[in-house]
Amino acid sequence: MEPRDIEYIAMQWIEAFNARDLNRLLNLYADDAEHFSPKLKVHKPETQGLVKGKDALRDWWKGAYLRLPTLYYKVNSLTANNYRVFMEYTRTVEGEPDMAVAEVLELRDGKIVFSRVYHG
C-alpha cells in the first residue's frame, strides 16, 4: 500500500471512532487484530493492556463510549509508510483536561492487524 492509502485508513478510523460506529470501525481491522492501550491496564487489568480479536475490541470500545459519552479525537498529524501510520491526536472529554495521544496502526492486506496507544 502507498502511504496516502494508509493515511486514508487512519482518517476512516478517526471518523468511525468519533461517530461511535463500531461496525464501521471494526471493519477496518483483521479478525485476529490486537490492540494495546495503557487504559486497558487500568479498566481491564486482566488483559495486561492487550486485547485480541474483534469481539474484544468491540467490548473495549463499547465500554469506553459508555464511560465517556463526550469522548472525541481531533487529529493533529499523521505520518505513514507502506504498512504503518503514526497518528497524533488530542483526546477531549467534557470536564477533563485535553490529553495528547499517539497511536500506531499496523496494516496488512489493507486491514489493521495491530494498534498501540501512547499517552501519559
PDB file of N, CA and C in Angstrom:
ATOM      1  N   MET A   1       0.832  -1.183   0.000  1.00  0.00           N
ATOM      2  CA  MET A   1       0.000   0.000   0.000  1.00  0.00           C
ATOM      3  C   MET A   1       0.876   1.246   0.000  1.00  0.00           C
ATOM      4  N   GLU A   2       0.349   2.300  -0.533  1.00  0.00           N
ATOM      5  CA  GLU A   2       1.028   3.588  -0.538  1.00  0.00           C
ATOM      6  C   GLU A   2       0.739   4.326   0.783  1.00  0.00           C
ATOM      7  N   PRO A   3       1.667   5.180   1.225  1.00  0.00           N
ATOM      8  CA  PRO A   3       1.421   5.943   2.455  1.00  0.00           C
ATOM      9  C   PRO A   3       0.094   6.701   2.438  1.00  0.00           C
ATOM     10  N   ARG A   4      -0.300   7.260   1.306  1.00  0.00           N
ATOM     11  CA  ARG A   4      -1.573   8.005   1.260  1.00  0.00           C
ATOM     12  C   ARG A   4      -2.762   7.075   1.520  1.00  0.00           C
ATOM     13  N   ASP A   5      -2.662   5.800   1.101  1.00  0.00           N
ATOM     14  CA  ASP A   5      -3.725   4.831   1.368  1.00  0.00           C
ATOM     15  C   ASP A   5      -3.802   4.513   2.858  1.00  0.00           C
ATOM     16  N   ILE A   6      -2.633   4.403   3.486  1.00  0.00           N
ATOM     17  CA  ILE A   6      -2.574   4.134   4.924  1.00  0.00           C
ATOM     18  C   ILE A   6      -3.152   5.331   5.697  1.00  0.00           C
ATOM     19  N   GLU A   7      -2.804   6.541   5.268  1.00  0.00           N
ATOM     20  CA  GLU A   7      -3.358   7.736   5.917  1.00  0.00           C
ATOM     21  C   GLU A   7      -4.871   7.805   5.744  1.00  0.00           C
ATOM     22  N   TYR A   8      -5.366   7.399   4.602  1.00  0.00           N
ATOM     23  CA  TYR A   8      -6.808   7.383   4.366  1.00  0.00           C
ATOM     24  C   TYR A   8      -7.487   6.431   5.355  1.00  0.00           C
ATOM     25  N   ILE A   9      -6.916   5.272   5.559  1.00  0.00           N
ATOM     26  CA  ILE A   9      -7.480   4.318   6.521  1.00  0.00           C
ATOM     27  C   ILE A   9      -7.452   4.906   7.925  1.00  0.00           C
ATOM     28  N   ALA A  10      -6.374   5.613   8.262  1.00  0.00           N
ATOM     29  CA  ALA A  10      -6.294   6.247   9.581  1.00  0.00           C
ATOM     30  C   ALA A  10      -7.405   7.281   9.762  1.00  0.00           C
ATOM     31  N   MET A  11      -7.674   8.057   8.731  1.00  0.00           N
ATOM     32  CA  MET A  11      -8.753   9.044   8.829  1.00  0.00           C
ATOM     33  C   MET A  11     -10.120   8.351   8.925  1.00  0.00           C
ATOM     34  N   GLN A  12     -10.278   7.242   8.224  1.00  0.00           N
ATOM     35  CA  GLN A  12     -11.510   6.461   8.348  1.00  0.00           C
ATOM     36  C   GLN A  12     -11.666   5.960   9.781  1.00  0.00           C
ATOM     37  N   TRP A  13     -10.561   5.577  10.385  1.00  0.00           N
ATOM     38  CA  TRP A  13     -10.563   5.108  11.773  1.00  0.00           C
ATOM     39  C   TRP A  13     -11.053   6.229  12.697  1.00  0.00           C
ATOM     40  N   ILE A  14     -10.459   7.416  12.554  1.00  0.00           N
ATOM     41  CA  ILE A  14     -10.850   8.558  13.395  1.00  0.00           C
ATOM     42  C   ILE A  14     -12.334   8.882  13.199  1.00  0.00           C
ATOM     43  N   GLU A  15     -12.782   8.940  11.960  1.00  0.00           N
ATOM     44  CA  GLU A  15     -14.186   9.270  11.681  1.00  0.00           C
ATOM     45  C   GLU A  15     -15.135   8.235  12.264  1.00  0.00           C
ATOM     46  N   ALA A  16     -14.818   6.961  12.104  1.00  0.00           N
ATOM     47  CA  ALA A  16     -15.677   5.907  12.655  1.00  0.00           C
ATOM     48  C   ALA A  16     -15.678   5.959  14.178  1.00  0.00           C
ATOM     49  N   PHE A  17     -14.504   6.195  14.770  1.00  0.00           N
ATOM     50  CA  PHE A  17     -14.424   6.266  16.220  1.00  0.00           C
ATOM     51  C   PHE A  17     -15.267   7.417  16.748  1.00  0.00           C
ATOM     52  N   ASN A  18     -15.100   8.588  16.163  1.00  0.00           N
ATOM     53  CA  ASN A  18     -15.845   9.759  16.633  1.00  0.00           C
ATOM     54  C   ASN A  18     -17.344   9.628  16.381  1.00  0.00           C
ATOM     55  N   ALA A  19     -17.735   8.892  15.358  1.00  0.00           N
ATOM     56  CA  ALA A  19     -19.160   8.658  15.071  1.00  0.00           C
ATOM     57  C   ALA A  19     -19.741   7.550  15.955  1.00  0.00           C
ATOM     58  N   ARG A  20     -18.881   6.892  16.718  1.00  0.00           N
ATOM     59  CA  ARG A  20     -19.283   5.757  17.567  1.00  0.00           C
ATOM     60  C   ARG A  20     -19.910   4.638  16.729  1.00  0.00           C
ATOM     61  N   ASP A  21     -19.399   4.482  15.538  1.00  0.00           N
ATOM     62  CA  ASP A  21     -19.886   3.462  14.607  1.00  0.00           C
ATOM     63  C   ASP A  21     -18.985   2.233  14.733  1.00  0.00           C
ATOM     64  N   LEU A  22     -19.310   1.365  15.688  1.00  0.00           N
ATOM     65  CA  LEU A  22     -18.460   0.220  15.971  1.00  0.00           C
ATOM     66  C   LEU A  22     -18.325  -0.725  14.782  1.00  0.00           C
ATOM     67  N   ASN A  23     -19.376  -0.933  14.036  1.00  0.00           N
ATOM     68  CA  ASN A  23     -19.275  -1.831  12.881  1.00  0.00           C
ATOM     69  C   ASN A  23     -18.307  -1.270  11.846  1.00  0.00           C
ATOM     70  N   ARG A  24     -18.432   0.007  11.556  1.00  0.00           N
ATOM     71  CA  ARG A  24     -17.524   0.645  10.591  1.00  0.00           C
ATOM     72  C   ARG A  24     -16.081   0.613  11.099  1.00  0.00           C
ATOM     73  N   LEU A  25     -15.904   0.877  12.381  1.00  0.00           N
ATOM     74  CA  LEU A  25     -14.578   0.853  12.987  1.00  0.00           C
ATOM     75  C   LEU A  25     -13.980  -0.552  12.906  1.00  0.00           C
ATOM     76  N   LEU A  26     -14.747  -1.545  13.299  1.00  0.00           N
ATOM     77  CA  LEU A  26     -14.239  -2.919  13.310  1.00  0.00           C
ATOM     78  C   LEU A  26     -13.985  -3.461  11.909  1.00  0.00           C
ATOM     79  N   ASN A  27     -14.679  -2.952  10.916  1.00  0.00           N
ATOM     80  CA  ASN A  27     -14.432  -3.385   9.537  1.00  0.00           C
ATOM     81  C   ASN A  27     -13.042  -2.987   9.053  1.00  0.00           C
ATOM     82  N   LEU A  28     -12.405  -2.059   9.737  1.00  0.00           N
ATOM     83  CA  LEU A  28     -11.048  -1.653   9.384  1.00  0.00           C
ATOM     84  C   LEU A  28      -9.997  -2.641   9.901  1.00  0.00           C
ATOM     85  N   TYR A  29     -10.401  -3.551  10.773  1.00  0.00           N
ATOM     86  CA  TYR A  29      -9.486  -4.475  11.447  1.00  0.00           C
ATOM     87  C   TYR A  29      -9.553  -5.883  10.871  1.00  0.00           C
ATOM     88  N   ALA A  30      -8.416  -6.570  10.915  1.00  0.00           N
ATOM     89  CA  ALA A  30      -8.370  -8.002  10.622  1.00  0.00           C
ATOM     90  C   ALA A  30      -9.054  -8.740  11.778  1.00  0.00           C
ATOM     91  N   ASP A  31      -9.581  -9.912  11.502  1.00  0.00           N
ATOM     92  CA  ASP A  31     -10.289 -10.679  12.537  1.00  0.00           C
ATOM     93  C   ASP A  31      -9.412 -10.969  13.750  1.00  0.00           C
ATOM     94  N   ASP A  32      -8.119 -11.177  13.546  1.00  0.00           N
ATOM     95  CA  ASP A  32      -7.213 -11.533  14.637  1.00  0.00           C
ATOM     96  C   ASP A  32      -6.390 -10.344  15.141  1.00  0.00           C
ATOM     97  N   ALA A  33      -6.859  -9.143  14.886  1.00  0.00           N
ATOM     98  CA  ALA A  33      -6.131  -7.928  15.275  1.00  0.00           C
ATOM     99  C   ALA A  33      -5.909  -7.869  16.780  1.00  0.00           C
ATOM    100  N   GLU A  34      -4.840  -7.178  17.154  1.00  0.00           N
ATOM    101  CA  GLU A  34      -4.513  -6.958  18.561  1.00  0.00           C
ATOM    102  C   GLU A  34      -4.421  -5.460  18.821  1.00  0.00           C
ATOM    103  N   HIS A  35      -4.788  -5.077  20.045  1.00  0.00           N
ATOM    104  CA  HIS A  35      -4.773  -3.663  20.437  1.00  0.00           C
ATOM    105  C   HIS A  35      -4.192  -3.554  21.837  1.00  0.00           C
ATOM    106  N   PHE A  36      -3.211  -2.655  21.990  1.00  0.00           N
ATOM    107  CA  PHE A  36      -2.597  -2.401  23.287  1.00  0.00           C
ATOM    108  C   PHE A  36      -2.862  -0.961  23.700  1.00  0.00           C
ATOM    109  N   SER A  37      -3.291  -0.781  24.964  1.00  0.00           N
ATOM    110  CA  SER A  37      -3.541   0.552  25.491  1.00  0.00           C
ATOM    111  C   SER A  37      -3.277   0.588  26.992  1.00  0.00           C
ATOM    112  N   PRO A  38      -2.624   1.649  27.477  1.00  0.00           N
ATOM    113  CA  PRO A  38      -2.462   1.805  28.918  1.00  0.00           C
ATOM    114  C   PRO A  38      -3.804   1.878  29.650  1.00  0.00           C
ATOM    115  N   LYS A  39      -4.838   2.399  28.988  1.00  0.00           N
ATOM    116  CA  LYS A  39      -6.163   2.482  29.613  1.00  0.00           C
ATOM    117  C   LYS A  39      -6.748   1.086  29.840  1.00  0.00           C
ATOM    118  N   LEU A  40      -6.399   0.125  28.984  1.00  0.00           N
ATOM    119  CA  LEU A  40      -6.841  -1.251  29.203  1.00  0.00           C
ATOM    120  C   LEU A  40      -6.287  -1.799  30.520  1.00  0.00           C
ATOM    121  N   LYS A  41      -5.029  -1.458  30.804  1.00  0.00           N
ATOM    122  CA  LYS A  41      -4.423  -1.912  32.063  1.00  0.00           C
ATOM    123  C   LYS A  41      -5.199  -1.399  33.268  1.00  0.00           C
ATOM    124  N   VAL A  42      -5.744  -0.188  33.148  1.00  0.00           N
ATOM    125  CA  VAL A  42      -6.476   0.427  34.249  1.00  0.00           C
ATOM    126  C   VAL A  42      -7.889  -0.146  34.366  1.00  0.00           C
ATOM    127  N   HIS A  43      -8.619  -0.175  33.252  1.00  0.00           N
ATOM    128  CA  HIS A  43     -10.033  -0.551  33.277  1.00  0.00           C
ATOM    129  C   HIS A  43     -10.282  -2.052  33.135  1.00  0.00           C
ATOM    130  N   LYS A  44      -9.334  -2.773  32.569  1.00  0.00           N
ATOM    131  CA  LYS A  44      -9.444  -4.226  32.417  1.00  0.00           C
ATOM    132  C   LYS A  44      -8.086  -4.845  32.733  1.00  0.00           C
ATOM    133  N   PRO A  45      -7.686  -4.800  34.016  1.00  0.00           N
ATOM    134  CA  PRO A  45      -6.336  -5.248  34.378  1.00  0.00           C
ATOM    135  C   PRO A  45      -6.034  -6.686  33.969  1.00  0.00           C
ATOM    136  N   GLU A  46      -7.043  -7.509  33.862  1.00  0.00           N
ATOM    137  CA  GLU A  46      -6.823  -8.906  33.470  1.00  0.00           C
ATOM    138  C   GLU A  46      -6.239  -9.032  32.065  1.00  0.00           C
ATOM    139  N   THR A  47      -6.363  -7.991  31.254  1.00  0.00           N
ATOM    140  CA  THR A  47      -5.831  -8.015  29.887  1.00  0.00           C
ATOM    141  C   THR A  47      -4.346  -7.677  29.835  1.00  0.00           C
ATOM    142  N   GLN A  48      -3.814  -7.097  30.911  1.00  0.00           N
ATOM    143  CA  GLN A  48      -2.444  -6.583  30.950  1.00  0.00           C
ATOM    144  C   GLN A  48      -2.205  -5.574  29.821  1.00  0.00           C
ATOM    145  N   GLY A  49      -3.280  -4.938  29.378  1.00  0.00           N
ATOM    146  CA  GLY A  49      -3.179  -3.887  28.375  1.00  0.00           C
ATOM    147  C   GLY A  49      -3.385  -4.332  26.946  1.00  0.00           C
ATOM    148  N   LEU A  50      -3.607  -5.625  26.706  1.00  0.00           N
ATOM    149  CA  LEU A  50      -3.708  -6.147  25.347  1.00  0.00           C
ATOM    150  C   LEU A  50      -5.000  -6.930  25.152  1.00  0.00           C
ATOM    151  N   VAL A  51      -5.744  -6.574  24.095  1.00  0.00           N
ATOM    152  CA  VAL A  51      -6.918  -7.365  23.712  1.00  0.00           C
ATOM    153  C   VAL A  51      -6.682  -7.910  22.305  1.00  0.00           C
ATOM    154  N   LYS A  52      -7.309  -9.058  22.040  1.00  0.00           N
ATOM    155  CA  LYS A  52      -7.111  -9.740  20.759  1.00  0.00           C
ATOM    156  C   LYS A  52      -8.455 -10.093  20.151  1.00  0.00           C
ATOM    157  N   GLY A  53      -8.610  -9.767  18.877  1.00  0.00           N
ATOM    158  CA  GLY A  53      -9.820 -10.122  18.141  1.00  0.00           C
ATOM    159  C   GLY A  53     -10.878  -9.041  18.185  1.00  0.00           C
ATOM    160  N   LYS A  54     -11.766  -9.106  17.186  1.00  0.00           N
ATOM    161  CA  LYS A  54     -12.798  -8.076  17.038  1.00  0.00           C
ATOM    162  C   LYS A  54     -13.799  -8.055  18.182  1.00  0.00           C
ATOM    163  N   ASP A  55     -14.141  -9.219  18.741  1.00  0.00           N
ATOM    164  CA  ASP A  55     -15.093  -9.223  19.852  1.00  0.00           C
ATOM    165  C   ASP A  55     -14.536  -8.465  21.056  1.00  0.00           C
ATOM    166  N   ALA A  56     -13.252  -8.672  21.343  1.00  0.00           N
ATOM    167  CA  ALA A  56     -12.624  -7.968  22.468  1.00  0.00           C
ATOM    168  C   ALA A  56     -12.521  -6.473  22.183  1.00  0.00           C
ATOM    169  N   LEU A  57     -12.224  -6.122  20.930  1.00  0.00           N
ATOM    170  CA  LEU A  57     -12.178  -4.702  20.559  1.00  0.00           C
ATOM    171  C   LEU A  57     -13.552  -4.054  20.700  1.00  0.00           C
ATOM    172  N   ARG A  58     -14.579  -4.739  20.240  1.00  0.00           N
ATOM    173  CA  ARG A  58     -15.937  -4.218  20.350  1.00  0.00           C
ATOM    174  C   ARG A  58     -16.300  -3.980  21.822  1.00  0.00           C
ATOM    175  N   ASP A  59     -16.006  -4.946  22.663  1.00  0.00           N
ATOM    176  CA  ASP A  59     -16.308  -4.838  24.089  1.00  0.00           C
ATOM    177  C   ASP A  59     -15.560  -3.654  24.713  1.00  0.00           C
ATOM    178  N   TRP A  60     -14.296  -3.497  24.364  1.00  0.00           N
ATOM    179  CA  TRP A  60     -13.487  -2.410  24.912  1.00  0.00           C
ATOM    180  C   TRP A  60     -14.034  -1.050  24.519  1.00  0.00           C
ATOM    181  N   TRP A  61     -14.294  -0.861  23.230  1.00  0.00           N
ATOM    182  CA  TRP A  61     -14.758   0.445  22.784  1.00  0.00           C
ATOM    183  C   TRP A  61     -16.183   0.735  23.227  1.00  0.00           C
ATOM    184  N   LYS A  62     -17.026  -0.269  23.276  1.00  0.00           N
ATOM    185  CA  LYS A  62     -18.385  -0.060  23.771  1.00  0.00           C
ATOM    186  C   LYS A  62     -18.326   0.446  25.216  1.00  0.00           C
ATOM    187  N   GLY A  63     -17.466  -0.153  26.014  1.00  0.00           N
ATOM    188  CA  GLY A  63     -17.295   0.287  27.395  1.00  0.00           C
ATOM    189  C   GLY A  63     -16.760   1.707  27.485  1.00  0.00           C
ATOM    190  N   ALA A  64     -15.824   2.054  26.607  1.00  0.00           N
ATOM    191  CA  ALA A  64     -15.271   3.413  26.606  1.00  0.00           C
ATOM    192  C   ALA A  64     -16.348   4.432  26.274  1.00  0.00           C
ATOM    193  N   TYR A  65     -17.188   4.121  25.294  1.00  0.00           N
ATOM    194  CA  TYR A  65     -18.265   5.042  24.920  1.00  0.00           C
ATOM    195  C   TYR A  65     -19.272   5.211  26.063  1.00  0.00           C
ATOM    196  N   LEU A  66     -19.519   4.160  26.817  1.00  0.00           N
ATOM    197  CA  LEU A  66     -20.434   4.268  27.953  1.00  0.00           C
ATOM    198  C   LEU A  66     -19.815   5.090  29.082  1.00  0.00           C
ATOM    199  N   ARG A  67     -18.529   4.873  29.361  1.00  0.00           N
ATOM    200  CA  ARG A  67     -17.847   5.615  30.425  1.00  0.00           C
ATOM    201  C   ARG A  67     -17.650   7.074  30.067  1.00  0.00           C
ATOM    202  N   LEU A  68     -17.421   7.341  28.755  1.00  0.00           N
ATOM    203  CA  LEU A  68     -17.029   8.684  28.308  1.00  0.00           C
ATOM    204  C   LEU A  68     -17.931   9.125  27.149  1.00  0.00           C
ATOM    205  N   PRO A  69     -19.163   9.505  27.444  1.00  0.00           N
ATOM    206  CA  PRO A  69     -20.101   9.812  26.354  1.00  0.00           C
ATOM    207  C   PRO A  69     -19.703  11.007  25.488  1.00  0.00           C
ATOM    208  N   THR A  70     -18.790  11.862  25.961  1.00  0.00           N
ATOM    209  CA  THR A  70     -18.372  13.009  25.149  1.00  0.00           C
ATOM    210  C   THR A  70     -16.982  12.816  24.538  1.00  0.00           C
ATOM    211  N   LEU A  71     -16.448  11.615  24.589  1.00  0.00           N
ATOM    212  CA  LEU A  71     -15.117  11.322  24.049  1.00  0.00           C
ATOM    213  C   LEU A  71     -15.043  11.668  22.570  1.00  0.00           C
ATOM    214  N   TYR A  72     -13.971  12.401  22.209  1.00  0.00           N
ATOM    215  CA  TYR A  72     -13.791  12.829  20.823  1.00  0.00           C
ATOM    216  C   TYR A  72     -12.294  12.963  20.553  1.00  0.00           C
ATOM    217  N   TYR A  73     -11.867  12.559  19.347  1.00  0.00           N
ATOM    218  CA  TYR A  73     -10.470  12.670  18.944  1.00  0.00           C
ATOM    219  C   TYR A  73     -10.334  13.693  17.827  1.00  0.00           C
ATOM    220  N   LYS A  74      -9.354  14.594  17.971  1.00  0.00           N
ATOM    221  CA  LYS A  74      -9.037  15.586  16.933  1.00  0.00           C
ATOM    222  C   LYS A  74      -7.631  15.294  16.434  1.00  0.00           C
ATOM    223  N   VAL A  75      -7.524  14.999  15.140  1.00  0.00           N
ATOM    224  CA  VAL A  75      -6.240  14.651  14.544  1.00  0.00           C
ATOM    225  C   VAL A  75      -5.329  15.869  14.484  1.00  0.00           C
ATOM    226  N   ASN A  76      -4.082  15.683  14.924  1.00  0.00           N
ATOM    227  CA  ASN A  76      -3.063  16.717  14.818  1.00  0.00           C
ATOM    228  C   ASN A  76      -2.097  16.418  13.681  1.00  0.00           C
ATOM    229  N   SER A  77      -1.721  15.152  13.525  1.00  0.00           N
ATOM    230  CA  SER A  77      -0.827  14.792  12.424  1.00  0.00           C
ATOM    231  C   SER A  77      -0.870  13.288  12.164  1.00  0.00           C
ATOM    232  N   LEU A  78      -0.521  12.939  10.925  1.00  0.00           N
ATOM    233  CA  LEU A  78      -0.397  11.546  10.503  1.00  0.00           C
ATOM    234  C   LEU A  78       0.936  11.414   9.773  1.00  0.00           C
ATOM    235  N   THR A  79       1.648  10.347  10.060  1.00  0.00           N
ATOM    236  CA  THR A  79       2.879  10.035   9.351  1.00  0.00           C
ATOM    237  C   THR A  79       2.820   8.564   8.985  1.00  0.00           C
ATOM    238  N   ALA A  80       2.901   8.259   7.687  1.00  0.00           N
ATOM    239  CA  ALA A  80       2.711   6.883   7.238  1.00  0.00           C
ATOM    240  C   ALA A  80       3.851   6.422   6.343  1.00  0.00           C
ATOM    241  N   ASN A  81       4.055   5.103   6.364  1.00  0.00           N
ATOM    242  CA  ASN A  81       4.888   4.462   5.358  1.00  0.00           C
ATOM    243  C   ASN A  81       4.002   3.428   4.654  1.00  0.00           C
ATOM    244  N   ASN A  82       4.544   2.385   4.113  1.00  0.00           N
ATOM    245  CA  ASN A  82       3.739   1.439   3.329  1.00  0.00           C
ATOM    246  C   ASN A  82       2.954   0.424   4.154  1.00  0.00           C
ATOM    247  N   TYR A  83       3.138   0.383   5.454  1.00  0.00           N
ATOM    248  CA  TYR A  83       2.405  -0.587   6.274  1.00  0.00           C
ATOM    249  C   TYR A  83       2.052  -0.099   7.678  1.00  0.00           C
ATOM    250  N   ARG A  84       2.384   1.147   7.990  1.00  0.00           N
ATOM    251  CA  ARG A  84       2.146   1.640   9.351  1.00  0.00           C
ATOM    252  C   ARG A  84       1.853   3.129   9.290  1.00  0.00           C
ATOM    253  N   VAL A  85       1.003   3.580  10.234  1.00  0.00           N
ATOM    254  CA  VAL A  85       0.759   5.020  10.377  1.00  0.00           C
ATOM    255  C   VAL A  85       0.897   5.390  11.849  1.00  0.00           C
ATOM    256  N   PHE A  86       1.554   6.515  12.062  1.00  0.00           N
ATOM    257  CA  PHE A  86       1.703   7.095  13.388  1.00  0.00           C
ATOM    258  C   PHE A  86       0.751   8.276  13.442  1.00  0.00           C
ATOM    259  N   MET A  87      -0.225   8.202  14.334  1.00  0.00           N
ATOM    260  CA  MET A  87      -1.235   9.249  14.461  1.00  0.00           C
ATOM    261  C   MET A  87      -0.991  10.014  15.758  1.00  0.00           C
ATOM    262  N   GLU A  88      -1.070  11.316  15.681  1.00  0.00           N
ATOM    263  CA  GLU A  88      -1.082  12.145  16.873  1.00  0.00           C
ATOM    264  C   GLU A  88      -2.431  12.845  16.904  1.00  0.00           C
ATOM    265  N   TYR A  89      -3.122  12.722  18.029  1.00  0.00           N
ATOM    266  CA  TYR A  89      -4.420  13.354  18.148  1.00  0.00           C
ATOM    267  C   TYR A  89      -4.641  13.830  19.579  1.00  0.00           C
ATOM    268  N   THR A  90      -5.613  14.691  19.724  1.00  0.00           N
ATOM    269  CA  THR A  90      -5.988  15.206  21.038  1.00  0.00           C
ATOM    270  C   THR A  90      -7.272  14.529  21.471  1.00  0.00           C
ATOM    271  N   ARG A  91      -7.236  13.966  22.664  1.00  0.00           N
ATOM    272  CA  ARG A  91      -8.409  13.321  23.257  1.00  0.00           C
ATOM    273  C   ARG A  91      -9.134  14.364  24.081  1.00  0.00           C
ATOM    274  N   THR A  92     -10.398  14.588  23.766  1.00  0.00           N
ATOM    275  CA  THR A  92     -11.197  15.531  24.545  1.00  0.00           C
ATOM    276  C   THR A  92     -12.372  14.798  25.173  1.00  0.00           C
ATOM    277  N   VAL A  93     -12.603  15.113  26.418  1.00  0.00           N
ATOM    278  CA  VAL A  93     -13.741  14.598  27.177  1.00  0.00           C
ATOM    279  C   VAL A  93     -14.243  15.758  28.020  1.00  0.00           C
ATOM    280  N   GLU A  94     -15.518  16.048  27.929  1.00  0.00           N
ATOM    281  CA  GLU A  94     -16.099  17.147  28.688  1.00  0.00           C
ATOM    282  C   GLU A  94     -15.779  16.989  30.172  1.00  0.00           C
ATOM    283  N   GLY A  95     -15.284  18.071  30.789  1.00  0.00           N
ATOM    284  CA  GLY A  95     -14.983  18.063  32.213  1.00  0.00           C
ATOM    285  C   GLY A  95     -13.590  17.546  32.550  1.00  0.00           C
ATOM    286  N   GLU A  96     -12.811  17.131  31.548  1.00  0.00           N
ATOM    287  CA  GLU A  96     -11.443  16.654  31.766  1.00  0.00           C
ATOM    288  C   GLU A  96     -10.488  17.506  30.933  1.00  0.00           C
ATOM    289  N   PRO A  97      -9.236  17.620  31.391  1.00  0.00           N
ATOM    290  CA  PRO A  97      -8.262  18.329  30.547  1.00  0.00           C
ATOM    291  C   PRO A  97      -7.994  17.514  29.269  1.00  0.00           C
ATOM    292  N   ASP A  98      -7.721  18.215  28.178  1.00  0.00           N
ATOM    293  CA  ASP A  98      -7.368  17.523  26.944  1.00  0.00           C
ATOM    294  C   ASP A  98      -6.103  16.707  27.165  1.00  0.00           C
ATOM    295  N   MET A  99      -5.990  15.601  26.407  1.00  0.00           N
ATOM    296  CA  MET A  99      -4.841  14.716  26.527  1.00  0.00           C
ATOM    297  C   MET A  99      -4.228  14.490  25.150  1.00  0.00           C
ATOM    298  N   ALA A 100      -2.912  14.687  25.066  1.00  0.00           N
ATOM    299  CA  ALA A 100      -2.204  14.357  23.828  1.00  0.00           C
ATOM    300  C   ALA A 100      -2.037  12.841  23.750  1.00  0.00           C
ATOM    301  N   VAL A 101      -2.357  12.291  22.590  1.00  0.00           N
ATOM    302  CA  VAL A 101      -2.288  10.844  22.387  1.00  0.00           C
ATOM    303  C   VAL A 101      -1.546  10.575  21.084  1.00  0.00           C
ATOM    304  N   ALA A 102      -0.783   9.500  21.080  1.00  0.00           N
ATOM    305  CA  ALA A 102      -0.174   8.988  19.861  1.00  0.00           C
ATOM    306  C   ALA A 102      -0.632   7.539  19.719  1.00  0.00           C
ATOM    307  N   GLU A 103      -0.865   7.128  18.483  1.00  0.00           N
ATOM    308  CA  GLU A 103      -1.280   5.750  18.238  1.00  0.00           C
ATOM    309  C   GLU A 103      -0.657   5.276  16.939  1.00  0.00           C
ATOM    310  N   VAL A 104      -0.213   4.049  16.951  1.00  0.00           N
ATOM    311  CA  VAL A 104       0.355   3.424  15.769  1.00  0.00           C
ATOM    312  C   VAL A 104      -0.609   2.342  15.301  1.00  0.00           C
ATOM    313  N   LEU A 105      -0.949   2.389  14.013  1.00  0.00           N
ATOM    314  CA  LEU A 105      -1.749   1.342  13.390  1.00  0.00           C
ATOM    315  C   LEU A 105      -0.849   0.615  12.405  1.00  0.00           C
ATOM    316  N   GLU A 106      -0.754  -0.702  12.536  1.00  0.00           N
ATOM    317  CA  GLU A 106      -0.004  -1.516  11.581  1.00  0.00           C
ATOM    318  C   GLU A 106      -1.005  -2.252  10.707  1.00  0.00           C
ATOM    319  N   LEU A 107      -0.754  -2.241   9.404  1.00  0.00           N
ATOM    320  CA  LEU A 107      -1.694  -2.832   8.449  1.00  0.00           C
ATOM    321  C   LEU A 107      -1.051  -3.952   7.642  1.00  0.00           C
ATOM    322  N   ARG A 108      -1.891  -4.893   7.260  1.00  0.00           N
ATOM    323  CA  ARG A 108      -1.521  -5.967   6.348  1.00  0.00           C
ATOM    324  C   ARG A 108      -2.726  -6.227   5.466  1.00  0.00           C
ATOM    325  N   ASP A 109      -2.508  -6.266   4.170  1.00  0.00           N
ATOM    326  CA  ASP A 109      -3.591  -6.524   3.217  1.00  0.00           C
ATOM    327  C   ASP A 109      -4.771  -5.567   3.402  1.00  0.00           C
ATOM    328  N   GLY A 110      -4.466  -4.307   3.728  1.00  0.00           N
ATOM    329  CA  GLY A 110      -5.495  -3.283   3.835  1.00  0.00           C
ATOM    330  C   GLY A 110      -6.293  -3.294   5.124  1.00  0.00           C
ATOM    331  N   LYS A 111      -5.903  -4.122   6.088  1.00  0.00           N
ATOM    332  CA  LYS A 111      -6.599  -4.200   7.380  1.00  0.00           C
ATOM    333  C   LYS A 111      -5.629  -3.929   8.518  1.00  0.00           C
ATOM    334  N   ILE A 112      -6.132  -3.339   9.591  1.00  0.00           N
ATOM    335  CA  ILE A 112      -5.314  -3.101  10.780  1.00  0.00           C
ATOM    336  C   ILE A 112      -5.114  -4.441  11.491  1.00  0.00           C
ATOM    337  N   VAL A 113      -3.847  -4.781  11.747  1.00  0.00           N
ATOM    338  CA  VAL A 113      -3.548  -6.031  12.444  1.00  0.00           C
ATOM    339  C   VAL A 113      -3.054  -5.785  13.871  1.00  0.00           C
ATOM    340  N   PHE A 114      -2.566  -4.563  14.109  1.00  0.00           N
ATOM    341  CA  PHE A 114      -2.088  -4.231  15.455  1.00  0.00           C
ATOM    342  C   PHE A 114      -2.200  -2.732  15.649  1.00  0.00           C
ATOM    343  N   SER A 115      -2.621  -2.328  16.834  1.00  0.00           N
ATOM    344  CA  SER A 115      -2.638  -0.915  17.187  1.00  0.00           C
ATOM    345  C   SER A 115      -2.102  -0.776  18.611  1.00  0.00           C
ATOM    346  N   ARG A 116      -1.399   0.322  18.827  1.00  0.00           N
ATOM    347  CA  ARG A 116      -0.823   0.594  20.136  1.00  0.00           C
ATOM    348  C   ARG A 116      -0.996   2.074  20.437  1.00  0.00           C
ATOM    349  N   VAL A 117      -1.506   2.356  21.635  1.00  0.00           N
ATOM    350  CA  VAL A 117      -1.770   3.720  22.084  1.00  0.00           C
ATOM    351  C   VAL A 117      -0.679   4.148  23.060  1.00  0.00           C
ATOM    352  N   TYR A 118      -0.258   5.418  22.929  1.00  0.00           N
ATOM    353  CA  TYR A 118       0.719   6.017  23.843  1.00  0.00           C
ATOM    354  C   TYR A 118       0.130   7.303  24.381  1.00  0.00           C
ATOM    355  N   HIS A 119       0.132   7.445  25.709  1.00  0.00           N
ATOM    356  CA  HIS A 119      -0.270   8.702  26.346  1.00  0.00           C
ATOM    357  C   HIS A 119       0.170   8.687  27.785  1.00  0.00           C
ATOM    358  N   GLY A 120       0.080   9.854  28.402  1.00  0.00           N
ATOM    359  CA  GLY A 120       0.507   9.984  29.789  1.00  0.00           C
ATOM    360  C   GLY A 120      -0.539   9.504  30.749  1.00  0.00           C
TER     361      GLY A 120
END
